[in-house]
């Protein structure tokens, strides 16, 4: 989700400082959450800035490039293997413990077919 624009942030702050409206009323007017209004005003008072925080990158990948290559080879060697079998074989080869969902997401991202039984 993209951060709110500086323009909307400025309008929210101006409304908060110039009126007696509550955070909840302002949130409803601008269709944002009450906590966003609260955090925006608090940040402005502390730093004087309305800039959004930089994106923090999200969760890191669970598998290394080497482990991904192993999974690719496992699928090529046995395209009838189930997700559970692929996960167990990866664990045997590298000692890597991941969920079946992680294996499924990887194969979908790589557009590799596998046995869905």
PDB file of N, CA and C in Angstrom:
ATOM      1  N   UNK A   1       0.838  -1.173   0.000  1.00  0.00           N
ATOM      2  CA  UNK A   1       0.000   0.000   0.000  1.00  0.00           C
ATOM      3  C   UNK A   1       0.887   1.240   0.000  1.00  0.00           C
ATOM      4  N   UNK A   2       0.546   2.184  -0.849  1.00  0.00           N
ATOM      5  CA  UNK A   2       1.330   3.402  -0.954  1.00  0.00           C
ATOM      6  C   UNK A   2       0.992   4.347   0.201  1.00  0.00           C
ATOM      7  N   UNK A   3       1.961   5.134   0.638  1.00  0.00           N
ATOM      8  CA  UNK A   3       1.683   6.099   1.711  1.00  0.00           C
ATOM      9  C   UNK A   3       0.782   7.228   1.193  1.00  0.00           C
ATOM     10  N   UNK A   4       0.057   7.837   2.115  1.00  0.00           N
ATOM     11  CA  UNK A   4      -0.774   8.980   1.745  1.00  0.00           C
ATOM     12  C   UNK A   4       0.109  10.122   1.260  1.00  0.00           C
ATOM     13  N   UNK A   5      -0.412  10.909   0.326  1.00  0.00           N
ATOM     14  CA  UNK A   5       0.351  12.022  -0.253  1.00  0.00           C
ATOM     15  C   UNK A   5       0.576  13.115   0.794  1.00  0.00           C
ATOM     16  N   UNK A   6       1.572  13.940   0.537  1.00  0.00           N
ATOM     17  CA  UNK A   6       1.870  15.074   1.411  1.00  0.00           C
ATOM     18  C   UNK A   6       0.670  16.022   1.441  1.00  0.00           C
ATOM     19  N   UNK A   7      -0.010  16.164   0.310  1.00  0.00           N
ATOM     20  CA  UNK A   7      -1.165  17.044   0.214  1.00  0.00           C
ATOM     21  C   UNK A   7      -2.258  16.640   1.215  1.00  0.00           C
ATOM     22  N   UNK A   8      -2.625  15.388   1.234  1.00  0.00           N
ATOM     23  CA  UNK A   8      -3.673  14.930   2.152  1.00  0.00           C
ATOM     24  C   UNK A   8      -3.193  15.025   3.598  1.00  0.00           C
ATOM     25  N   UNK A   9      -1.932  14.728   3.822  1.00  0.00           N
ATOM     26  CA  UNK A   9      -1.373  14.838   5.171  1.00  0.00           C
ATOM     27  C   UNK A   9      -1.456  16.290   5.663  1.00  0.00           C
ATOM     28  N   UNK A  10      -1.169  17.215   4.762  1.00  0.00           N
ATOM     29  CA  UNK A  10      -1.204  18.630   5.121  1.00  0.00           C
ATOM     30  C   UNK A  10      -2.636  19.071   5.440  1.00  0.00           C
ATOM     31  N   UNK A  11      -3.591  18.618   4.642  1.00  0.00           N
ATOM     32  CA  UNK A  11      -4.997  18.964   4.868  1.00  0.00           C
ATOM     33  C   UNK A  11      -5.489  18.407   6.205  1.00  0.00           C
ATOM     34  N   UNK A  12      -5.103  17.195   6.514  1.00  0.00           N
ATOM     35  CA  UNK A  12      -5.501  16.585   7.794  1.00  0.00           C
ATOM     36  C   UNK A  12      -4.916  17.388   8.946  1.00  0.00           C
ATOM     37  N   UNK A  13      -3.637  17.718   8.860  1.00  0.00           N
ATOM     38  CA  UNK A  13      -2.980  18.473   9.930  1.00  0.00           C
ATOM     39  C   UNK A  13      -3.616  19.855  10.093  1.00  0.00           C
ATOM     40  N   UNK A  14      -3.865  20.551   9.000  1.00  0.00           N
ATOM     41  CA  UNK A  14      -4.485  21.870   9.068  1.00  0.00           C
ATOM     42  C   UNK A  14      -5.868  21.793   9.718  1.00  0.00           C
ATOM     43  N   UNK A  15      -6.626  20.772   9.345  1.00  0.00           N
ATOM     44  CA  UNK A  15      -7.954  20.599   9.930  1.00  0.00           C
ATOM     45  C   UNK A  15      -7.838  20.362  11.430  1.00  0.00           C
ATOM     46  N   UNK A  16      -6.909  19.565  11.834  1.00  0.00           N
ATOM     47  CA  UNK A  16      -6.719  19.264  13.259  1.00  0.00           C
ATOM     48  C   UNK A  16      -6.326  20.521  14.029  1.00  0.00           C
ATOM     49  N   UNK A  17      -5.423  21.324  13.483  1.00  0.00           N
ATOM     50  CA  UNK A  17      -4.937  22.507  14.187  1.00  0.00           C
ATOM     51  C   UNK A  17      -5.925  23.673  14.158  1.00  0.00           C
ATOM     52  N   UNK A  18      -6.776  23.749  13.134  1.00  0.00           N
ATOM     53  CA  UNK A  18      -7.669  24.901  12.982  1.00  0.00           C
ATOM     54  C   UNK A  18      -9.081  24.670  13.493  1.00  0.00           C
ATOM     55  N   UNK A  19      -9.444  23.425  13.768  1.00  0.00           N
ATOM     56  CA  UNK A  19     -10.815  23.146  14.221  1.00  0.00           C
ATOM     57  C   UNK A  19     -10.784  22.445  15.571  1.00  0.00           C
ATOM     58  N   UNK A  20     -11.958  22.265  16.110  1.00  0.00           N
ATOM     59  CA  UNK A  20     -12.096  21.554  17.376  1.00  0.00           C
ATOM     60  C   UNK A  20     -12.557  20.112  17.149  1.00  0.00           C
ATOM     61  N   UNK A  21     -12.428  19.646  15.928  1.00  0.00           N
ATOM     62  CA  UNK A  21     -12.881  18.293  15.607  1.00  0.00           C
ATOM     63  C   UNK A  21     -11.979  17.250  16.259  1.00  0.00           C
ATOM     64  N   UNK A  22     -12.583  16.127  16.612  1.00  0.00           N
ATOM     65  CA  UNK A  22     -11.814  15.030  17.197  1.00  0.00           C
ATOM     66  C   UNK A  22     -11.068  14.275  16.101  1.00  0.00           C
ATOM     67  N   UNK A  23     -10.124  13.452  16.517  1.00  0.00           N
ATOM     68  CA  UNK A  23      -9.386  12.632  15.552  1.00  0.00           C
ATOM     69  C   UNK A  23     -10.346  11.742  14.776  1.00  0.00           C
ATOM     70  N   UNK A  24     -11.345  11.231  15.456  1.00  0.00           N
ATOM     71  CA  UNK A  24     -12.302  10.334  14.808  1.00  0.00           C
ATOM     72  C   UNK A  24     -13.108  11.071  13.734  1.00  0.00           C
ATOM     73  N   UNK A  25     -13.533  12.294  14.020  1.00  0.00           N
ATOM     74  CA  UNK A  25     -14.284  13.081  13.033  1.00  0.00           C
ATOM     75  C   UNK A  25     -13.422  13.425  11.817  1.00  0.00           C
ATOM     76  N   UNK A  26     -12.185  13.779  12.082  1.00  0.00           N
ATOM     77  CA  UNK A  26     -11.263  14.088  10.981  1.00  0.00           C
ATOM     78  C   UNK A  26     -11.001  12.839  10.145  1.00  0.00           C
ATOM     79  N   UNK A  27     -10.812  11.712  10.817  1.00  0.00           N
ATOM     80  CA  UNK A  27     -10.574  10.448  10.110  1.00  0.00           C
ATOM     81  C   UNK A  27     -11.753  10.112   9.202  1.00  0.00           C
ATOM     82  N   UNK A  28     -12.962  10.298   9.706  1.00  0.00           N
ATOM     83  CA  UNK A  28     -14.142  10.014   8.882  1.00  0.00           C
ATOM     84  C   UNK A  28     -14.223  10.978   7.698  1.00  0.00           C
ATOM     85  N   UNK A  29     -13.898  12.223   7.917  1.00  0.00           N
ATOM     86  CA  UNK A  29     -13.963  13.225   6.848  1.00  0.00           C
ATOM     87  C   UNK A  29     -12.988  12.889   5.720  1.00  0.00           C
ATOM     88  N   UNK A  30     -11.775  12.492   6.077  1.00  0.00           N
ATOM     89  CA  UNK A  30     -10.747  12.228   5.068  1.00  0.00           C
ATOM     90  C   UNK A  30     -10.631  10.751   4.690  1.00  0.00           C
ATOM     91  N   UNK A  31     -11.475   9.933   5.316  1.00  0.00           N
ATOM     92  CA  UNK A  31     -11.500   8.489   5.042  1.00  0.00           C
ATOM     93  C   UNK A  31     -10.151   7.820   5.295  1.00  0.00           C
ATOM     94  N   UNK A  32      -9.611   8.116   6.462  1.00  0.00           N
ATOM     95  CA  UNK A  32      -8.394   7.476   6.943  1.00  0.00           C
ATOM     96  C   UNK A  32      -8.695   6.926   8.331  1.00  0.00           C
ATOM     97  N   UNK A  33      -7.767   6.212   8.911  1.00  0.00           N
ATOM     98  CA  UNK A  33      -8.001   5.676  10.259  1.00  0.00           C
ATOM     99  C   UNK A  33      -7.725   6.745  11.313  1.00  0.00           C
ATOM    100  N   UNK A  34      -8.367   6.579  12.450  1.00  0.00           N
ATOM    101  CA  UNK A  34      -8.166   7.495  13.567  1.00  0.00           C
ATOM    102  C   UNK A  34      -6.719   7.437  14.035  1.00  0.00           C
ATOM    103  N   UNK A  35      -6.141   6.248  14.042  1.00  0.00           N
ATOM    104  CA  UNK A  35      -4.749   6.119  14.487  1.00  0.00           C
ATOM    105  C   UNK A  35      -3.793   6.844  13.535  1.00  0.00           C
ATOM    106  N   UNK A  36      -4.136   6.885  12.226  1.00  0.00           N
ATOM    107  CA  UNK A  36      -3.287   7.623  11.281  1.00  0.00           C
ATOM    108  C   UNK A  36      -3.282   9.109  11.632  1.00  0.00           C
ATOM    109  N   UNK A  37      -4.462   9.659  11.923  1.00  0.00           N
ATOM    110  CA  UNK A  37      -4.553  11.077  12.285  1.00  0.00           C
ATOM    111  C   UNK A  37      -3.724  11.334  13.539  1.00  0.00           C
ATOM    112  N   UNK A  38      -3.884  10.481  14.530  1.00  0.00           N
ATOM    113  CA  UNK A  38      -3.160  10.631  15.791  1.00  0.00           C
ATOM    114  C   UNK A  38      -1.652  10.575  15.569  1.00  0.00           C
ATOM    115  N   UNK A  39      -1.196   9.587  14.824  1.00  0.00           N
ATOM    116  CA  UNK A  39       0.245   9.430  14.577  1.00  0.00           C
ATOM    117  C   UNK A  39       0.808  10.586  13.748  1.00  0.00           C
ATOM    118  N   UNK A  40       0.019  11.056  12.783  1.00  0.00           N
ATOM    119  CA  UNK A  40       0.463  12.162  11.940  1.00  0.00           C
ATOM    120  C   UNK A  40       0.673  13.429  12.771  1.00  0.00           C
ATOM    121  N   UNK A  41      -0.282  13.745  13.628  1.00  0.00           N
ATOM    122  CA  UNK A  41      -0.180  14.945  14.463  1.00  0.00           C
ATOM    123  C   UNK A  41       0.988  14.807  15.431  1.00  0.00           C
ATOM    124  N   UNK A  42       1.122  13.638  16.049  1.00  0.00           N
ATOM    125  CA  UNK A  42       2.219  13.409  16.995  1.00  0.00           C
ATOM    126  C   UNK A  42       3.577  13.536  16.292  1.00  0.00           C
ATOM    127  N   UNK A  43       3.697  12.950  15.093  1.00  0.00           N
ATOM    128  CA  UNK A  43       4.959  13.027  14.352  1.00  0.00           C
ATOM    129  C   UNK A  43       5.284  14.477  13.991  1.00  0.00           C
ATOM    130  N   UNK A  44       4.254  15.229  13.585  1.00  0.00           N
ATOM    131  CA  UNK A  44       4.486  16.623  13.219  1.00  0.00           C
ATOM    132  C   UNK A  44       4.969  17.431  14.429  1.00  0.00           C
ATOM    133  N   UNK A  45       4.366  17.184  15.579  1.00  0.00           N
ATOM    134  CA  UNK A  45       4.763  17.914  16.787  1.00  0.00           C
ATOM    135  C   UNK A  45       6.187  17.558  17.218  1.00  0.00           C
ATOM    136  N   UNK A  46       6.580  16.308  17.008  1.00  0.00           N
ATOM    137  CA  UNK A  46       7.916  15.856  17.423  1.00  0.00           C
ATOM    138  C   UNK A  46       9.003  16.245  16.431  1.00  0.00           C
ATOM    139  N   UNK A  47       8.700  16.140  15.128  1.00  0.00           N
ATOM    140  CA  UNK A  47       9.754  16.326  14.123  1.00  0.00           C
ATOM    141  C   UNK A  47       9.535  17.518  13.205  1.00  0.00           C
ATOM    142  N   UNK A  48       8.309  18.009  13.128  1.00  0.00           N
ATOM    143  CA  UNK A  48       8.004  19.098  12.208  1.00  0.00           C
ATOM    144  C   UNK A  48       7.862  18.635  10.769  1.00  0.00           C
ATOM    145  N   UNK A  49       7.812  17.318  10.561  1.00  0.00           N
ATOM    146  CA  UNK A  49       7.751  16.757   9.216  1.00  0.00           C
ATOM    147  C   UNK A  49       6.441  16.008   8.993  1.00  0.00           C
ATOM    148  N   UNK A  50       5.961  16.047   7.763  1.00  0.00           N
ATOM    149  CA  UNK A  50       4.785  15.266   7.366  1.00  0.00           C
ATOM    150  C   UNK A  50       5.166  14.117   6.440  1.00  0.00           C
ATOM    151  N   UNK A  51       6.457  13.975   6.167  1.00  0.00           N
ATOM    152  CA  UNK A  51       6.937  12.944   5.243  1.00  0.00           C
ATOM    153  C   UNK A  51       6.637  11.546   5.787  1.00  0.00           C
ATOM    154  N   UNK A  52       6.211  10.631   4.913  1.00  0.00           N
ATOM    155  CA  UNK A  52       6.012   9.251   5.361  1.00  0.00           C
ATOM    156  C   UNK A  52       7.353   8.578   5.644  1.00  0.00           C
ATOM    157  N   UNK A  53       7.321   7.570   6.480  1.00  0.00           N
ATOM    158  CA  UNK A  53       8.532   6.800   6.750  1.00  0.00           C
ATOM    159  C   UNK A  53       8.905   5.999   5.506  1.00  0.00           C
ATOM    160  N   UNK A  54      10.176   5.733   5.281  1.00  0.00           N
ATOM    161  CA  UNK A  54      10.560   4.927   4.121  1.00  0.00           C
ATOM    162  C   UNK A  54      10.065   3.488   4.278  1.00  0.00           C
ATOM    163  N   UNK A  55       9.849   2.829   3.151  1.00  0.00           N
ATOM    164  CA  UNK A  55       9.434   1.431   3.169  1.00  0.00           C
ATOM    165  C   UNK A  55      10.542   0.597   3.799  1.00  0.00           C
ATOM    166  N   UNK A  56      10.155  -0.332   4.666  1.00  0.00           N
ATOM    167  CA  UNK A  56      11.165  -1.099   5.395  1.00  0.00           C
ATOM    168  C   UNK A  56      11.504  -2.431   4.752  1.00  0.00           C
ATOM    169  N   UNK A  57      10.941  -2.723   3.600  1.00  0.00           N
ATOM    170  CA  UNK A  57      11.381  -3.886   2.849  1.00  0.00           C
ATOM    171  C   UNK A  57      10.585  -5.162   3.037  1.00  0.00           C
ATOM    172  N   UNK A  58       9.793  -5.282   4.062  1.00  0.00           N
ATOM    173  CA  UNK A  58       9.014  -6.489   4.262  1.00  0.00           C
ATOM    174  C   UNK A  58       9.853  -7.645   4.790  1.00  0.00           C
ATOM    175  N   UNK A  59       9.237  -8.804   4.814  1.00  0.00           N
ATOM    176  CA  UNK A  59       9.906  -9.998   5.335  1.00  0.00           C
ATOM    177  C   UNK A  59      10.975 -10.489   4.363  1.00  0.00           C
ATOM    178  N   UNK A  60      12.043 -11.025   4.902  1.00  0.00           N
ATOM    179  CA  UNK A  60      13.103 -11.561   4.054  1.00  0.00           C
ATOM    180  C   UNK A  60      12.716 -12.949   3.554  1.00  0.00           C
ATOM    181  N   UNK A  61      13.324 -13.355   2.491  1.00  0.00           N
ATOM    182  CA  UNK A  61      13.028 -14.669   1.920  1.00  0.00           C
ATOM    183  C   UNK A  61      13.513 -15.771   2.853  1.00  0.00           C
ATOM    184  N   UNK A  62      12.767 -16.862   2.846  1.00  0.00           N
ATOM    185  CA  UNK A  62      13.093 -17.984   3.720  1.00  0.00           C
ATOM    186  C   UNK A  62      14.170 -18.893   3.141  1.00  0.00           C
ATOM    187  N   UNK A  63      14.290 -18.911   1.817  1.00  0.00           N
ATOM    188  CA  UNK A  63      15.239 -19.804   1.158  1.00  0.00           C
ATOM    189  C   UNK A  63      16.350 -19.008   0.487  1.00  0.00           C
ATOM    190  N   UNK A  64      17.556 -19.527   0.599  1.00  0.00           N
ATOM    191  CA  UNK A  64      18.704 -18.903  -0.052  1.00  0.00           C
ATOM    192  C   UNK A  64      18.695 -19.271  -1.540  1.00  0.00           C
ATOM    193  N   UNK A  65      19.448 -18.551  -2.363  1.00  0.00           N
ATOM    194  CA  UNK A  65      19.526 -18.917  -3.786  1.00  0.00           C
ATOM    195  C   UNK A  65      19.984 -20.368  -3.994  1.00  0.00           C
ATOM    196  N   UNK A  66      20.884 -20.826  -3.149  1.00  0.00           N
ATOM    197  CA  UNK A  66      21.363 -22.217  -3.246  1.00  0.00           C
ATOM    198  C   UNK A  66      20.219 -23.202  -2.974  1.00  0.00           C
ATOM    199  N   UNK A  67      19.421 -22.920  -1.962  1.00  0.00           N
ATOM    200  CA  UNK A  67      18.291 -23.798  -1.621  1.00  0.00           C
ATOM    201  C   UNK A  67      17.219 -23.762  -2.710  1.00  0.00           C
ATOM    202  N   UNK A  68      17.040 -22.605  -3.320  1.00  0.00           N
ATOM    203  CA  UNK A  68      16.080 -22.494  -4.426  1.00  0.00           C
ATOM    204  C   UNK A  68      16.522 -23.362  -5.590  1.00  0.00           C
ATOM    205  N   UNK A  69      17.824 -23.347  -5.884  1.00  0.00           N
ATOM    206  CA  UNK A  69      18.355 -24.208  -6.956  1.00  0.00           C
ATOM    207  C   UNK A  69      18.117 -25.678  -6.643  1.00  0.00           C
ATOM    208  N   UNK A  70      18.282 -26.061  -5.391  1.00  0.00           N
ATOM    209  CA  UNK A  70      18.043 -27.453  -4.996  1.00  0.00           C
ATOM    210  C   UNK A  70      16.591 -27.822  -5.244  1.00  0.00           C
ATOM    211  N   UNK A  71      15.661 -26.934  -4.872  1.00  0.00           N
ATOM    212  CA  UNK A  71      14.238 -27.209  -5.098  1.00  0.00           C
ATOM    213  C   UNK A  71      13.955 -27.339  -6.594  1.00  0.00           C
ATOM    214  N   UNK A  72      14.546 -26.484  -7.406  1.00  0.00           N
ATOM    215  CA  UNK A  72      14.358 -26.568  -8.856  1.00  0.00           C
ATOM    216  C   UNK A  72      14.822 -27.921  -9.369  1.00  0.00           C
ATOM    217  N   UNK A  73      15.989 -28.374  -8.910  1.00  0.00           N
ATOM    218  CA  UNK A  73      16.502 -29.685  -9.328  1.00  0.00           C
ATOM    219  C   UNK A  73      15.607 -30.819  -8.844  1.00  0.00           C
ATOM    220  N   UNK A  74      15.103 -30.678  -7.628  1.00  0.00           N
ATOM    221  CA  UNK A  74      14.197 -31.716  -7.098  1.00  0.00           C
ATOM    222  C   UNK A  74      12.946 -31.839  -7.951  1.00  0.00           C
ATOM    223  N   UNK A  75      12.406 -30.716  -8.386  1.00  0.00           N
ATOM    224  CA  UNK A  75      11.205 -30.739  -9.229  1.00  0.00           C
ATOM    225  C   UNK A  75      11.537 -31.319 -10.599  1.00  0.00           C
ATOM    226  N   UNK A  76      12.691 -30.946 -11.151  1.00  0.00           N
ATOM    227  CA  UNK A  76      13.087 -31.473 -12.469  1.00  0.00           C
ATOM    228  C   UNK A  76      13.318 -32.978 -12.409  1.00  0.00           C
ATOM    229  N   UNK A  77      13.898 -33.452 -11.315  1.00  0.00           N
ATOM    230  CA  UNK A  77      14.190 -34.883 -11.181  1.00  0.00           C
ATOM    231  C   UNK A  77      12.936 -35.708 -10.912  1.00  0.00           C
ATOM    232  N   UNK A  78      11.956 -35.123 -10.244  1.00  0.00           N
ATOM    233  CA  UNK A  78      10.734 -35.859  -9.905  1.00  0.00           C
ATOM    234  C   UNK A  78       9.559 -34.890  -9.920  1.00  0.00           C
ATOM    235  N   UNK A  79       8.997 -34.688 -11.120  1.00  0.00           N
ATOM    236  CA  UNK A  79       7.900 -33.723 -11.254  1.00  0.00           C
ATOM    237  C   UNK A  79       6.602 -34.227 -10.626  1.00  0.00           C
ATOM    238  N   UNK A  80       6.570 -35.503 -10.214  1.00  0.00           N
ATOM    239  CA  UNK A  80       5.381 -36.045  -9.551  1.00  0.00           C
ATOM    240  C   UNK A  80       5.450 -35.931  -8.031  1.00  0.00           C
ATOM    241  N   UNK A  81       6.508 -35.345  -7.511  1.00  0.00           N
ATOM    242  CA  UNK A  81       6.656 -35.215  -6.060  1.00  0.00           C
ATOM    243  C   UNK A  81       5.638 -34.203  -5.525  1.00  0.00           C
ATOM    244  N   UNK A  82       5.100 -34.494  -4.358  1.00  0.00           N
ATOM    245  CA  UNK A  82       4.170 -33.566  -3.716  1.00  0.00           C
ATOM    246  C   UNK A  82       4.959 -32.468  -3.016  1.00  0.00           C
ATOM    247  N   UNK A  83       4.248 -31.442  -2.583  1.00  0.00           N
ATOM    248  CA  UNK A  83       4.900 -30.351  -1.854  1.00  0.00           C
ATOM    249  C   UNK A  83       5.562 -30.876  -0.584  1.00  0.00           C
ATOM    250  N   UNK A  84       4.876 -31.770   0.103  1.00  0.00           N
ATOM    251  CA  UNK A  84       5.440 -32.340   1.331  1.00  0.00           C
ATOM    252  C   UNK A  84       6.723 -33.107   1.028  1.00  0.00           C
ATOM    253  N   UNK A  85       6.721 -33.881  -0.055  1.00  0.00           N
ATOM    254  CA  UNK A  85       7.922 -34.629  -0.431  1.00  0.00           C
ATOM    255  C   UNK A  85       9.065 -33.686  -0.789  1.00  0.00           C
ATOM    256  N   UNK A  86       8.754 -32.633  -1.528  1.00  0.00           N
ATOM    257  CA  UNK A  86       9.793 -31.662  -1.890  1.00  0.00           C
ATOM    258  C   UNK A  86      10.369 -30.999  -0.647  1.00  0.00           C
ATOM    259  N   UNK A  87       9.484 -30.626   0.281  1.00  0.00           N
ATOM    260  CA  UNK A  87       9.941 -30.001   1.525  1.00  0.00           C
ATOM    261  C   UNK A  87      10.834 -30.956   2.308  1.00  0.00           C
ATOM    262  N   UNK A  88      10.405 -32.217   2.412  1.00  0.00           N
ATOM    263  CA  UNK A  88      11.185 -33.210   3.168  1.00  0.00           C
ATOM    264  C   UNK A  88      12.537 -33.478   2.510  1.00  0.00           C
ATOM    265  N   UNK A  89      12.585 -33.529   1.201  1.00  0.00           N
ATOM    266  CA  UNK A  89      13.848 -33.766   0.488  1.00  0.00           C
ATOM    267  C   UNK A  89      14.802 -32.582   0.653  1.00  0.00           C
ATOM    268  N   UNK A  90      14.262 -31.370   0.631  1.00  0.00           N
ATOM    269  CA  UNK A  90      15.097 -30.194   0.871  1.00  0.00           C
ATOM    270  C   UNK A  90      15.670 -30.255   2.284  1.00  0.00           C
ATOM    271  N   UNK A  91      14.856 -30.650   3.228  1.00  0.00           N
ATOM    272  CA  UNK A  91      15.304 -30.774   4.625  1.00  0.00           C
ATOM    273  C   UNK A  91      16.411 -31.824   4.736  1.00  0.00           C
ATOM    274  N   UNK A  92      16.280 -32.935   4.024  1.00  0.00           N
ATOM    275  CA  UNK A  92      17.302 -33.984   4.052  1.00  0.00           C
ATOM    276  C   UNK A  92      18.617 -33.498   3.448  1.00  0.00           C
ATOM    277  N   UNK A  93      18.535 -32.758   2.340  1.00  0.00           N
ATOM    278  CA  UNK A  93      19.755 -32.303   1.648  1.00  0.00           C
ATOM    279  C   UNK A  93      20.468 -31.171   2.373  1.00  0.00           C
ATOM    280  N   UNK A  94      19.690 -30.190   2.869  1.00  0.00           N
ATOM    281  CA  UNK A  94      20.300 -28.983   3.431  1.00  0.00           C
ATOM    282  C   UNK A  94      19.992 -28.754   4.904  1.00  0.00           C
ATOM    283  N   UNK A  95      19.082 -29.538   5.475  1.00  0.00           N
ATOM    284  CA  UNK A  95      18.693 -29.309   6.856  1.00  0.00           C
ATOM    285  C   UNK A  95      17.818 -28.073   7.012  1.00  0.00           C
ATOM    286  N   UNK A  96      17.220 -27.630   5.902  1.00  0.00           N
ATOM    287  CA  UNK A  96      16.388 -26.433   5.901  1.00  0.00           C
ATOM    288  C   UNK A  96      14.959 -26.811   6.253  1.00  0.00           C
ATOM    289  N   UNK A  97      14.421 -26.162   7.280  1.00  0.00           N
ATOM    290  CA  UNK A  97      13.049 -26.442   7.691  1.00  0.00           C
ATOM    291  C   UNK A  97      12.173 -25.261   7.297  1.00  0.00           C
ATOM    292  N   UNK A  98      11.304 -25.495   6.312  1.00  0.00           N
ATOM    293  CA  UNK A  98      10.347 -24.489   5.882  1.00  0.00           C
ATOM    294  C   UNK A  98       8.973 -25.141   5.782  1.00  0.00           C
ATOM    295  N   UNK A  99       7.950 -24.318   5.661  1.00  0.00           N
ATOM    296  CA  UNK A  99       6.592 -24.843   5.565  1.00  0.00           C
ATOM    297  C   UNK A  99       6.287 -25.291   4.137  1.00  0.00           C
ATOM    298  N   UNK A 100       5.244 -26.076   4.022  1.00  0.00           N
ATOM    299  CA  UNK A 100       4.774 -26.497   2.706  1.00  0.00           C
ATOM    300  C   UNK A 100       4.330 -25.264   1.921  1.00  0.00           C
ATOM    301  N   UNK A 101       3.746 -24.283   2.607  1.00  0.00           N
ATOM    302  CA  UNK A 101       3.308 -23.049   1.947  1.00  0.00           C
ATOM    303  C   UNK A 101       4.481 -22.312   1.318  1.00  0.00           C
ATOM    304  N   UNK A 102       5.625 -22.326   1.989  1.00  0.00           N
ATOM    305  CA  UNK A 102       6.812 -21.665   1.443  1.00  0.00           C
ATOM    306  C   UNK A 102       7.235 -22.331   0.141  1.00  0.00           C
ATOM    307  N   UNK A 103       7.214 -23.649   0.121  1.00  0.00           N
ATOM    308  CA  UNK A 103       7.564 -24.393  -1.099  1.00  0.00           C
ATOM    309  C   UNK A 103       6.548 -24.078  -2.194  1.00  0.00           C
ATOM    310  N   UNK A 104       5.276 -24.047  -1.842  1.00  0.00           N
ATOM    311  CA  UNK A 104       4.220 -23.757  -2.817  1.00  0.00           C
ATOM    312  C   UNK A 104       4.392 -22.370  -3.420  1.00  0.00           C
ATOM    313  N   UNK A 105       4.630 -21.352  -2.587  1.00  0.00           N
ATOM    314  CA  UNK A 105       4.813 -19.988  -3.087  1.00  0.00           C
ATOM    315  C   UNK A 105       6.036 -19.895  -4.001  1.00  0.00           C
ATOM    316  N   UNK A 106       7.108 -20.601  -3.634  1.00  0.00           N
ATOM    317  CA  UNK A 106       8.318 -20.601  -4.454  1.00  0.00           C
ATOM    318  C   UNK A 106       8.032 -21.179  -5.835  1.00  0.00           C
ATOM    319  N   UNK A 107       7.355 -22.314  -5.874  1.00  0.00           N
ATOM    320  CA  UNK A 107       7.087 -22.957  -7.155  1.00  0.00           C
ATOM    321  C   UNK A 107       6.154 -22.104  -8.015  1.00  0.00           C
ATOM    322  N   UNK A 108       5.197 -21.450  -7.395  1.00  0.00           N
ATOM    323  CA  UNK A 108       4.313 -20.563  -8.160  1.00  0.00           C
ATOM    324  C   UNK A 108       5.089 -19.380  -8.713  1.00  0.00           C
ATOM    325  N   UNK A 109       5.968 -18.813  -7.892  1.00  0.00           N
ATOM    326  CA  UNK A 109       6.776 -17.670  -8.338  1.00  0.00           C
ATOM    327  C   UNK A 109       7.687 -18.067  -9.500  1.00  0.00           C
ATOM    328  N   UNK A 110       8.215 -19.297  -9.434  1.00  0.00           N
ATOM    329  CA  UNK A 110       9.105 -19.792 -10.490  1.00  0.00           C
ATOM    330  C   UNK A 110       8.328 -20.402 -11.664  1.00  0.00           C
ATOM    331  N   UNK A 111       7.007 -20.478 -11.510  1.00  0.00           N
ATOM    332  CA  UNK A 111       6.120 -21.073 -12.521  1.00  0.00           C
ATOM    333  C   UNK A 111       6.499 -22.518 -12.829  1.00  0.00           C
ATOM    334  N   UNK A 112       6.797 -23.276 -11.778  1.00  0.00           N
ATOM    335  CA  UNK A 112       7.099 -24.702 -11.928  1.00  0.00           C
ATOM    336  C   UNK A 112       5.876 -25.516 -11.546  1.00  0.00           C
ATOM    337  N   UNK A 113       5.635 -26.572 -12.311  1.00  0.00           N
ATOM    338  CA  UNK A 113       4.495 -27.443 -12.019  1.00  0.00           C
ATOM    339  C   UNK A 113       4.917 -28.516 -11.027  1.00  0.00           C
ATOM    340  N   UNK A 114       3.940 -28.928 -10.219  1.00  0.00           N
ATOM    341  CA  UNK A 114       4.197 -29.968  -9.229  1.00  0.00           C
ATOM    342  C   UNK A 114       2.926 -30.760  -9.002  1.00  0.00           C
ATOM    343  N   UNK A 115       3.054 -31.903  -8.331  1.00  0.00           N
ATOM    344  CA  UNK A 115       1.934 -32.765  -8.023  1.00  0.00           C
ATOM    345  C   UNK A 115       1.129 -32.153  -6.880  1.00  0.00           C
ATOM    346  N   UNK A 116      -0.152 -31.904  -7.092  1.00  0.00           N
ATOM    347  CA  UNK A 116      -0.979 -31.237  -6.088  1.00  0.00           C
ATOM    348  C   UNK A 116      -1.743 -32.214  -5.208  1.00  0.00           C
ATOM    349  N   UNK A 117      -1.382 -33.467  -5.197  1.00  0.00           N
ATOM    350  CA  UNK A 117      -2.091 -34.453  -4.353  1.00  0.00           C
ATOM    351  C   UNK A 117      -1.665 -34.372  -2.922  1.00  0.00           C
TER     352      UNK A 117
END
